[in-house]
Amino acid sequence: MQFSILFFVLILACMYPTLAQGSYETCCLKYVAGVKKSTKRRVERYRLQETDGGCNIRAVVFTLRNKKTFCANPVQPWVQCLITEVKDRKDNKMKN
């Protein structure tokens, strides 16, 4: 009986860190002011961050080819242009 309780507690202790990892969100805390043209060309995709959940600011999160990310203010004109460029690149890639 004691062995089964000990075994159960041990299993729960091992599972707790894996469950806790899923509860943290990766949120943008600030925006970049701007990026170089060379950086803009390396953007592969983007996602929108809303203020729901644990994130406090709306942001566009751009992901580069090397998997690095940066956050931008979605109301900035250069951000809207970059979103359009990324969409166009993706559409052109799908056509080919």
PDB file of N, CA and C in Angstrom:
ATOM      1  N   MET A   1       0.829  -1.194   0.000  1.00  0.00           N
ATOM      2  CA  MET A   1       0.000   0.000   0.000  1.00  0.00           C
ATOM      3  C   MET A   1       0.877   1.264   0.000  1.00  0.00           C
ATOM      4  N   GLN A   2       1.883   1.296   0.888  1.00  0.00           N
ATOM      5  CA  GLN A   2       2.745   2.463   0.967  1.00  0.00           C
ATOM      6  C   GLN A   2       3.544   2.646  -0.327  1.00  0.00           C
ATOM      7  N   PHE A   3       3.946   1.526  -0.924  1.00  0.00           N
ATOM      8  CA  PHE A   3       4.703   1.597  -2.170  1.00  0.00           C
ATOM      9  C   PHE A   3       3.868   2.213  -3.289  1.00  0.00           C
ATOM     10  N   SER A   4       2.598   1.857  -3.379  1.00  0.00           N
ATOM     11  CA  SER A   4       1.752   2.402  -4.439  1.00  0.00           C
ATOM     12  C   SER A   4       1.506   3.898  -4.245  1.00  0.00           C
ATOM     13  N   ILE A   5       1.381   4.333  -3.011  1.00  0.00           N
ATOM     14  CA  ILE A   5       1.204   5.772  -2.743  1.00  0.00           C
ATOM     15  C   ILE A   5       2.492   6.521  -3.103  1.00  0.00           C
ATOM     16  N   LEU A   6       3.618   5.961  -2.694  1.00  0.00           N
ATOM     17  CA  LEU A   6       4.900   6.576  -3.023  1.00  0.00           C
ATOM     18  C   LEU A   6       5.096   6.643  -4.532  1.00  0.00           C
ATOM     19  N   PHE A   7       4.752   5.573  -5.233  1.00  0.00           N
ATOM     20  CA  PHE A   7       4.861   5.530  -6.685  1.00  0.00           C
ATOM     21  C   PHE A   7       3.961   6.594  -7.324  1.00  0.00           C
ATOM     22  N   PHE A   8       2.743   6.734  -6.853  1.00  0.00           N
ATOM     23  CA  PHE A   8       1.801   7.723  -7.370  1.00  0.00           C
ATOM     24  C   PHE A   8       2.318   9.148  -7.160  1.00  0.00           C
ATOM     25  N   VAL A   9       2.846   9.433  -5.981  1.00  0.00           N
ATOM     26  CA  VAL A   9       3.396  10.757  -5.687  1.00  0.00           C
ATOM     27  C   VAL A   9       4.606  11.032  -6.576  1.00  0.00           C
ATOM     28  N   LEU A  10       5.426  10.030  -6.791  1.00  0.00           N
ATOM     29  CA  LEU A  10       6.589  10.181  -7.652  1.00  0.00           C
ATOM     30  C   LEU A  10       6.182  10.488  -9.096  1.00  0.00           C
ATOM     31  N   ILE A  11       5.176   9.814  -9.600  1.00  0.00           N
ATOM     32  CA  ILE A  11       4.665  10.068 -10.952  1.00  0.00           C
ATOM     33  C   ILE A  11       4.130  11.496 -11.055  1.00  0.00           C
ATOM     34  N   LEU A  12       3.361  11.920 -10.063  1.00  0.00           N
ATOM     35  CA  LEU A  12       2.835  13.295 -10.074  1.00  0.00           C
ATOM     36  C   LEU A  12       3.959  14.318 -10.036  1.00  0.00           C
ATOM     37  N   ALA A  13       4.985  14.072  -9.250  1.00  0.00           N
ATOM     38  CA  ALA A  13       6.117  14.996  -9.153  1.00  0.00           C
ATOM     39  C   ALA A  13       6.846  15.111 -10.491  1.00  0.00           C
ATOM     40  N   CYS A  14       6.936  14.011 -11.226  1.00  0.00           N
ATOM     41  CA  CYS A  14       7.600  14.040 -12.535  1.00  0.00           C
ATOM     42  C   CYS A  14       6.749  14.737 -13.589  1.00  0.00           C
ATOM     43  N   MET A  15       5.446  14.627 -13.481  1.00  0.00           N
ATOM     44  CA  MET A  15       4.559  15.229 -14.470  1.00  0.00           C
ATOM     45  C   MET A  15       4.364  16.719 -14.256  1.00  0.00           C
ATOM     46  N   TYR A  16       4.514  17.211 -13.043  1.00  0.00           N
ATOM     47  CA  TYR A  16       4.239  18.608 -12.741  1.00  0.00           C
ATOM     48  C   TYR A  16       5.057  19.589 -13.581  1.00  0.00           C
ATOM     49  N   PRO A  17       6.377  19.419 -13.721  1.00  0.00           N
ATOM     50  CA  PRO A  17       7.134  20.389 -14.546  1.00  0.00           C
ATOM     51  C   PRO A  17       6.679  20.433 -16.002  1.00  0.00           C
ATOM     52  N   THR A  18       6.301  19.314 -16.572  1.00  0.00           N
ATOM     53  CA  THR A  18       5.860  19.327 -17.962  1.00  0.00           C
ATOM     54  C   THR A  18       4.515  20.015 -18.107  1.00  0.00           C
ATOM     55  N   LEU A  19       3.649  19.882 -17.123  1.00  0.00           N
ATOM     56  CA  LEU A  19       2.363  20.576 -17.172  1.00  0.00           C
ATOM     57  C   LEU A  19       2.542  22.069 -16.948  1.00  0.00           C
ATOM     58  N   ALA A  20       3.449  22.438 -16.076  1.00  0.00           N
ATOM     59  CA  ALA A  20       3.679  23.851 -15.773  1.00  0.00           C
ATOM     60  C   ALA A  20       4.276  24.590 -16.955  1.00  0.00           C
ATOM     61  N   GLN A  21       5.091  23.928 -17.797  1.00  0.00           N
ATOM     62  CA  GLN A  21       5.708  24.586 -18.938  1.00  0.00           C
ATOM     63  C   GLN A  21       4.670  25.088 -19.921  1.00  0.00           C
ATOM     64  N   GLY A  22       3.585  24.388 -20.088  1.00  0.00           N
ATOM     65  CA  GLY A  22       2.566  24.790 -21.038  1.00  0.00           C
ATOM     66  C   GLY A  22       1.763  25.985 -20.606  1.00  0.00           C
ATOM     67  N   SER A  23       1.872  26.383 -19.354  1.00  0.00           N
ATOM     68  CA  SER A  23       1.047  27.480 -18.867  1.00  0.00           C
ATOM     69  C   SER A  23       1.672  28.855 -19.111  1.00  0.00           C
ATOM     70  N   TYR A  24       2.946  28.919 -19.492  1.00  0.00           N
ATOM     71  CA  TYR A  24       3.590  30.199 -19.739  1.00  0.00           C
ATOM     72  C   TYR A  24       3.426  30.600 -21.200  1.00  0.00           C
ATOM     73  N   GLU A  25       3.083  31.856 -21.408  1.00  0.00           N
ATOM     74  CA  GLU A  25       2.950  32.378 -22.762  1.00  0.00           C
ATOM     75  C   GLU A  25       4.183  33.194 -23.103  1.00  0.00           C
ATOM     76  N   THR A  26       4.525  33.226 -24.371  1.00  0.00           N
ATOM     77  CA  THR A  26       5.593  34.105 -24.816  1.00  0.00           C
ATOM     78  C   THR A  26       4.934  35.347 -25.376  1.00  0.00           C
ATOM     79  N   CYS A  27       5.017  36.411 -24.632  1.00  0.00           N
ATOM     80  CA  CYS A  27       4.360  37.662 -24.997  1.00  0.00           C
ATOM     81  C   CYS A  27       5.383  38.740 -25.306  1.00  0.00           C
ATOM     82  N   CYS A  28       4.990  39.623 -26.203  1.00  0.00           N
ATOM     83  CA  CYS A  28       5.795  40.806 -26.479  1.00  0.00           C
ATOM     84  C   CYS A  28       5.574  41.798 -25.341  1.00  0.00           C
ATOM     85  N   LEU A  29       6.646  42.367 -24.860  1.00  0.00           N
ATOM     86  CA  LEU A  29       6.547  43.354 -23.803  1.00  0.00           C
ATOM     87  C   LEU A  29       6.786  44.762 -24.319  1.00  0.00           C
ATOM     88  N   LYS A  30       7.435  44.862 -25.495  1.00  0.00           N
ATOM     89  CA  LYS A  30       7.688  46.175 -26.095  1.00  0.00           C
ATOM     90  C   LYS A  30       7.837  46.004 -27.593  1.00  0.00           C
ATOM     91  N   TYR A  31       7.794  47.120 -28.301  1.00  0.00           N
ATOM     92  CA  TYR A  31       7.904  47.142 -29.755  1.00  0.00           C
ATOM     93  C   TYR A  31       9.292  47.595 -30.178  1.00  0.00           C
ATOM     94  N   VAL A  32       9.714  47.146 -31.367  1.00  0.00           N
ATOM     95  CA  VAL A  32      10.905  47.719 -31.971  1.00  0.00           C
ATOM     96  C   VAL A  32      10.474  48.999 -32.689  1.00  0.00           C
ATOM     97  N   ALA A  33      11.370  49.964 -32.774  1.00  0.00           N
ATOM     98  CA  ALA A  33      11.047  51.219 -33.445  1.00  0.00           C
ATOM     99  C   ALA A  33      11.060  51.052 -34.961  1.00  0.00           C
ATOM    100  N   GLY A  34      11.929  50.195 -35.448  1.00  0.00           N
ATOM    101  CA  GLY A  34      12.061  49.946 -36.878  1.00  0.00           C
ATOM    102  C   GLY A  34      13.107  48.872 -37.104  1.00  0.00           C
ATOM    103  N   VAL A  35      13.170  48.379 -38.326  1.00  0.00           N
ATOM    104  CA  VAL A  35      14.167  47.357 -38.662  1.00  0.00           C
ATOM    105  C   VAL A  35      14.807  47.698 -39.997  1.00  0.00           C
ATOM    106  N   LYS A  36      15.985  47.142 -40.240  1.00  0.00           N
ATOM    107  CA  LYS A  36      16.707  47.361 -41.495  1.00  0.00           C
ATOM    108  C   LYS A  36      16.008  46.625 -42.640  1.00  0.00           C
ATOM    109  N   LYS A  37      16.301  47.059 -43.856  1.00  0.00           N
ATOM    110  CA  LYS A  37      15.747  46.389 -45.034  1.00  0.00           C
ATOM    111  C   LYS A  37      16.187  44.932 -45.102  1.00  0.00           C
ATOM    112  N   SER A  38      17.425  44.673 -44.728  1.00  0.00           N
ATOM    113  CA  SER A  38      17.925  43.296 -44.767  1.00  0.00           C
ATOM    114  C   SER A  38      17.154  42.401 -43.796  1.00  0.00           C
ATOM    115  N   THR A  39      16.753  42.947 -42.681  1.00  0.00           N
ATOM    116  CA  THR A  39      15.963  42.186 -41.716  1.00  0.00           C
ATOM    117  C   THR A  39      14.560  41.938 -42.256  1.00  0.00           C
ATOM    118  N   LYS A  40      13.990  42.948 -42.902  1.00  0.00           N
ATOM    119  CA  LYS A  40      12.649  42.795 -43.476  1.00  0.00           C
ATOM    120  C   LYS A  40      12.621  41.689 -44.525  1.00  0.00           C
ATOM    121  N   ARG A  41      13.702  41.557 -45.291  1.00  0.00           N
ATOM    122  CA  ARG A  41      13.753  40.518 -46.325  1.00  0.00           C
ATOM    123  C   ARG A  41      13.842  39.118 -45.735  1.00  0.00           C
ATOM    124  N   ARG A  42      14.312  39.000 -44.497  1.00  0.00           N
ATOM    125  CA  ARG A  42      14.458  37.689 -43.871  1.00  0.00           C
ATOM    126  C   ARG A  42      13.224  37.242 -43.083  1.00  0.00           C
ATOM    127  N   VAL A  43      12.178  38.068 -43.069  1.00  0.00           N
ATOM    128  CA  VAL A  43      10.953  37.686 -42.357  1.00  0.00           C
ATOM    129  C   VAL A  43      10.252  36.569 -43.130  1.00  0.00           C
ATOM    130  N   GLU A  44       9.957  35.493 -42.437  1.00  0.00           N
ATOM    131  CA  GLU A  44       9.268  34.353 -43.059  1.00  0.00           C
ATOM    132  C   GLU A  44       7.772  34.358 -42.783  1.00  0.00           C
ATOM    133  N   ARG A  45       7.396  34.727 -41.573  1.00  0.00           N
ATOM    134  CA  ARG A  45       5.974  34.699 -41.211  1.00  0.00           C
ATOM    135  C   ARG A  45       5.722  35.674 -40.071  1.00  0.00           C
ATOM    136  N   TYR A  46       4.464  35.811 -39.746  1.00  0.00           N
ATOM    137  CA  TYR A  46       4.081  36.687 -38.648  1.00  0.00           C
ATOM    138  C   TYR A  46       2.839  36.108 -37.972  1.00  0.00           C
ATOM    139  N   ARG A  47       2.599  36.593 -36.773  1.00  0.00           N
ATOM    140  CA  ARG A  47       1.365  36.246 -36.062  1.00  0.00           C
ATOM    141  C   ARG A  47       0.923  37.473 -35.284  1.00  0.00           C
ATOM    142  N   LEU A  48      -0.349  37.525 -34.993  1.00  0.00           N
ATOM    143  CA  LEU A  48      -0.892  38.643 -34.240  1.00  0.00           C
ATOM    144  C   LEU A  48      -1.008  38.253 -32.771  1.00  0.00           C
ATOM    145  N   GLN A  49      -0.571  39.137 -31.903  1.00  0.00           N
ATOM    146  CA  GLN A  49      -0.726  38.943 -30.467  1.00  0.00           C
ATOM    147  C   GLN A  49      -1.825  39.882 -29.990  1.00  0.00           C
ATOM    148  N   GLU A  50      -2.826  39.320 -29.375  1.00  0.00           N
ATOM    149  CA  GLU A  50      -3.924  40.120 -28.836  1.00  0.00           C
ATOM    150  C   GLU A  50      -3.710  40.337 -27.338  1.00  0.00           C
ATOM    151  N   THR A  51      -4.497  41.195 -26.743  1.00  0.00           N
ATOM    152  CA  THR A  51      -4.342  41.513 -25.326  1.00  0.00           C
ATOM    153  C   THR A  51      -5.074  40.536 -24.414  1.00  0.00           C
ATOM    154  N   ASP A  52      -5.624  39.474 -24.962  1.00  0.00           N
ATOM    155  CA  ASP A  52      -6.291  38.492 -24.110  1.00  0.00           C
ATOM    156  C   ASP A  52      -5.266  37.576 -23.452  1.00  0.00           C
ATOM    157  N   GLY A  53      -5.661  36.884 -22.438  1.00  0.00           N
ATOM    158  CA  GLY A  53      -4.747  35.985 -21.745  1.00  0.00           C
ATOM    159  C   GLY A  53      -3.721  36.760 -20.935  1.00  0.00           C
ATOM    160  N   GLY A  54      -2.475  36.326 -21.002  1.00  0.00           N
ATOM    161  CA  GLY A  54      -1.434  36.954 -20.205  1.00  0.00           C
ATOM    162  C   GLY A  54      -0.677  38.047 -20.912  1.00  0.00           C
ATOM    163  N   CYS A  55      -1.024  38.384 -22.138  1.00  0.00           N
ATOM    164  CA  CYS A  55      -0.302  39.394 -22.907  1.00  0.00           C
ATOM    165  C   CYS A  55      -0.970  40.759 -22.741  1.00  0.00           C
ATOM    166  N   ASN A  56      -0.148  41.777 -22.479  1.00  0.00           N
ATOM    167  CA  ASN A  56      -0.682  43.101 -22.165  1.00  0.00           C
ATOM    168  C   ASN A  56      -0.791  44.054 -23.339  1.00  0.00           C
ATOM    169  N   ILE A  57      -0.110  43.780 -24.441  1.00  0.00           N
ATOM    170  CA  ILE A  57      -0.143  44.708 -25.578  1.00  0.00           C
ATOM    171  C   ILE A  57      -0.490  43.955 -26.858  1.00  0.00           C
ATOM    172  N   ARG A  58      -1.154  44.668 -27.775  1.00  0.00           N
ATOM    173  CA  ARG A  58      -1.369  44.128 -29.116  1.00  0.00           C
ATOM    174  C   ARG A  58      -0.062  44.287 -29.871  1.00  0.00           C
ATOM    175  N   ALA A  59       0.304  43.265 -30.630  1.00  0.00           N
ATOM    176  CA  ALA A  59       1.560  43.326 -31.364  1.00  0.00           C
ATOM    177  C   ALA A  59       1.498  42.389 -32.556  1.00  0.00           C
ATOM    178  N   VAL A  60       2.385  42.654 -33.515  1.00  0.00           N
ATOM    179  CA  VAL A  60       2.630  41.731 -34.604  1.00  0.00           C
ATOM    180  C   VAL A  60       4.001  41.124 -34.323  1.00  0.00           C
ATOM    181  N   VAL A  61       4.046  39.797 -34.250  1.00  0.00           N
ATOM    182  CA  VAL A  61       5.292  39.093 -33.961  1.00  0.00           C
ATOM    183  C   VAL A  61       5.806  38.514 -35.271  1.00  0.00           C
ATOM    184  N   PHE A  62       6.914  39.045 -35.745  1.00  0.00           N
ATOM    185  CA  PHE A  62       7.525  38.581 -36.987  1.00  0.00           C
ATOM    186  C   PHE A  62       8.595  37.547 -36.663  1.00  0.00           C
ATOM    187  N   THR A  63       8.641  36.481 -37.457  1.00  0.00           N
ATOM    188  CA  THR A  63       9.639  35.432 -37.281  1.00  0.00           C
ATOM    189  C   THR A  63      10.575  35.439 -38.486  1.00  0.00           C
ATOM    190  N   LEU A  64      11.879  35.469 -38.202  1.00  0.00           N
ATOM    191  CA  LEU A  64      12.894  35.481 -39.246  1.00  0.00           C
ATOM    192  C   LEU A  64      13.279  34.056 -39.635  1.00  0.00           C
ATOM    193  N   ARG A  65      14.065  33.924 -40.688  1.00  0.00           N
ATOM    194  CA  ARG A  65      14.512  32.602 -41.159  1.00  0.00           C
ATOM    195  C   ARG A  65      15.276  31.838 -40.089  1.00  0.00           C
ATOM    196  N   ASN A  66      16.036  32.546 -39.268  1.00  0.00           N
ATOM    197  CA  ASN A  66      16.820  31.895 -38.224  1.00  0.00           C
ATOM    198  C   ASN A  66      16.012  31.684 -36.940  1.00  0.00           C
ATOM    199  N   LYS A  67      14.696  31.813 -37.040  1.00  0.00           N
ATOM    200  CA  LYS A  67      13.740  31.579 -35.945  1.00  0.00           C
ATOM    201  C   LYS A  67      13.756  32.648 -34.865  1.00  0.00           C
ATOM    202  N   LYS A  68      14.514  33.720 -35.044  1.00  0.00           N
ATOM    203  CA  LYS A  68      14.450  34.834 -34.105  1.00  0.00           C
ATOM    204  C   LYS A  68      13.174  35.613 -34.377  1.00  0.00           C
ATOM    205  N   THR A  69      12.690  36.300 -33.362  1.00  0.00           N
ATOM    206  CA  THR A  69      11.451  37.065 -33.510  1.00  0.00           C
ATOM    207  C   THR A  69      11.668  38.506 -33.055  1.00  0.00           C
ATOM    208  N   PHE A  70      10.795  39.368 -33.556  1.00  0.00           N
ATOM    209  CA  PHE A  70      10.731  40.728 -33.038  1.00  0.00           C
ATOM    210  C   PHE A  70       9.282  41.179 -33.073  1.00  0.00           C
ATOM    211  N   CYS A  71       8.950  42.103 -32.203  1.00  0.00           N
ATOM    212  CA  CYS A  71       7.574  42.568 -32.041  1.00  0.00           C
ATOM    213  C   CYS A  71       7.444  43.992 -32.546  1.00  0.00           C
ATOM    214  N   ALA A  72       6.320  44.251 -33.214  1.00  0.00           N
ATOM    215  CA  ALA A  72       6.097  45.576 -33.782  1.00  0.00           C
ATOM    216  C   ALA A  72       4.682  46.040 -33.479  1.00  0.00           C
ATOM    217  N   ASN A  73       4.521  47.350 -33.479  1.00  0.00           N
ATOM    218  CA  ASN A  73       3.216  47.963 -33.228  1.00  0.00           C
ATOM    219  C   ASN A  73       2.345  47.803 -34.471  1.00  0.00           C
ATOM    220  N   PRO A  74       1.193  47.147 -34.356  1.00  0.00           N
ATOM    221  CA  PRO A  74       0.374  46.876 -35.538  1.00  0.00           C
ATOM    222  C   PRO A  74      -0.228  48.116 -36.206  1.00  0.00           C
ATOM    223  N   VAL A  75      -0.213  49.248 -35.558  1.00  0.00           N
ATOM    224  CA  VAL A  75      -0.782  50.451 -36.177  1.00  0.00           C
ATOM    225  C   VAL A  75       0.245  51.248 -36.972  1.00  0.00           C
ATOM    226  N   GLN A  76       1.517  50.889 -36.876  1.00  0.00           N
ATOM    227  CA  GLN A  76       2.560  51.598 -37.614  1.00  0.00           C
ATOM    228  C   GLN A  76       2.471  51.263 -39.104  1.00  0.00           C
ATOM    229  N   PRO A  77       2.608  52.254 -39.982  1.00  0.00           N
ATOM    230  CA  PRO A  77       2.527  52.014 -41.431  1.00  0.00           C
ATOM    231  C   PRO A  77       3.556  51.010 -41.947  1.00  0.00           C
ATOM    232  N   TRP A  78       4.797  51.065 -41.444  1.00  0.00           N
ATOM    233  CA  TRP A  78       5.820  50.133 -41.932  1.00  0.00           C
ATOM    234  C   TRP A  78       5.478  48.693 -41.567  1.00  0.00           C
ATOM    235  N   VAL A  79       4.773  48.501 -40.457  1.00  0.00           N
ATOM    236  CA  VAL A  79       4.375  47.152 -40.040  1.00  0.00           C
ATOM    237  C   VAL A  79       3.309  46.617 -40.995  1.00  0.00           C
ATOM    238  N   GLN A  80       2.356  47.457 -41.351  1.00  0.00           N
ATOM    239  CA  GLN A  80       1.310  47.049 -42.296  1.00  0.00           C
ATOM    240  C   GLN A  80       1.917  46.715 -43.661  1.00  0.00           C
ATOM    241  N   CYS A  81       2.900  47.508 -44.085  1.00  0.00           N
ATOM    242  CA  CYS A  81       3.574  47.232 -45.363  1.00  0.00           C
ATOM    243  C   CYS A  81       4.327  45.903 -45.307  1.00  0.00           C
ATOM    244  N   LEU A  82       4.980  45.632 -44.196  1.00  0.00           N
ATOM    245  CA  LEU A  82       5.727  44.383 -44.055  1.00  0.00           C
ATOM    246  C   LEU A  82       4.784  43.178 -44.029  1.00  0.00           C
ATOM    247  N   ILE A  83       3.642  43.312 -43.402  1.00  0.00           N
ATOM    248  CA  ILE A  83       2.642  42.232 -43.410  1.00  0.00           C
ATOM    249  C   ILE A  83       2.219  41.937 -44.845  1.00  0.00           C
ATOM    250  N   THR A  84       1.970  42.988 -45.617  1.00  0.00           N
ATOM    251  CA  THR A  84       1.575  42.820 -47.016  1.00  0.00           C
ATOM    252  C   THR A  84       2.689  42.144 -47.812  1.00  0.00           C
ATOM    253  N   GLU A  85       3.932  42.545 -47.598  1.00  0.00           N
ATOM    254  CA  GLU A  85       5.067  41.931 -48.297  1.00  0.00           C
ATOM    255  C   GLU A  85       5.175  40.446 -47.978  1.00  0.00           C
ATOM    256  N   VAL A  86       5.015  40.095 -46.709  1.00  0.00           N
ATOM    257  CA  VAL A  86       5.123  38.691 -46.297  1.00  0.00           C
ATOM    258  C   VAL A  86       4.001  37.874 -46.936  1.00  0.00           C
ATOM    259  N   LYS A  87       2.791  38.436 -46.946  1.00  0.00           N
ATOM    260  CA  LYS A  87       1.659  37.747 -47.595  1.00  0.00           C
ATOM    261  C   LYS A  87       1.929  37.546 -49.082  1.00  0.00           C
ATOM    262  N   ASP A  88       2.437  38.586 -49.756  1.00  0.00           N
ATOM    263  CA  ASP A  88       2.725  38.497 -51.191  1.00  0.00           C
ATOM    264  C   ASP A  88       3.797  37.447 -51.477  1.00  0.00           C
ATOM    265  N   ARG A  89       4.846  37.427 -50.661  1.00  0.00           N
ATOM    266  CA  ARG A  89       5.904  36.418 -50.823  1.00  0.00           C
ATOM    267  C   ARG A  89       5.342  35.017 -50.676  1.00  0.00           C
ATOM    268  N   LYS A  90       4.494  34.846 -49.698  1.00  0.00           N
ATOM    269  CA  LYS A  90       3.899  33.531 -49.450  1.00  0.00           C
ATOM    270  C   LYS A  90       2.991  33.113 -50.617  1.00  0.00           C
ATOM    271  N   ASP A  91       2.199  34.064 -51.120  1.00  0.00           N
ATOM    272  CA  ASP A  91       1.327  33.772 -52.271  1.00  0.00           C
ATOM    273  C   ASP A  91       2.152  33.416 -53.510  1.00  0.00           C
ATOM    274  N   ASN A  92       3.227  34.165 -53.749  1.00  0.00           N
ATOM    275  CA  ASN A  92       4.104  33.884 -54.906  1.00  0.00           C
ATOM    276  C   ASN A  92       4.766  32.523 -54.777  1.00  0.00           C
ATOM    277  N   LYS A  93       5.159  32.154 -53.558  1.00  0.00           N
ATOM    278  CA  LYS A  93       5.796  30.858 -53.341  1.00  0.00           C
ATOM    279  C   LYS A  93       4.818  29.731 -53.594  1.00  0.00           C
ATOM    280  N   MET A  94       3.549  29.926 -53.236  1.00  0.00           N
ATOM    281  CA  MET A  94       2.544  28.890 -53.432  1.00  0.00           C
ATOM    282  C   MET A  94       2.188  28.731 -54.904  1.00  0.00           C
ATOM    283  N   LYS A  95       2.283  29.814 -55.689  1.00  0.00           N
ATOM    284  CA  LYS A  95       1.979  29.762 -57.112  1.00  0.00           C
ATOM    285  C   LYS A  95       3.049  28.989 -57.877  1.00  0.00           C
ATOM    286  N   ASN A  96       4.299  29.086 -57.424  1.00  0.00           N
ATOM    287  CA  ASN A  96       5.420  28.431 -58.131  1.00  0.00           C
ATOM    288  C   ASN A  96       5.520  26.986 -57.805  1.00  0.00           C
TER     289      ASN A  96
END
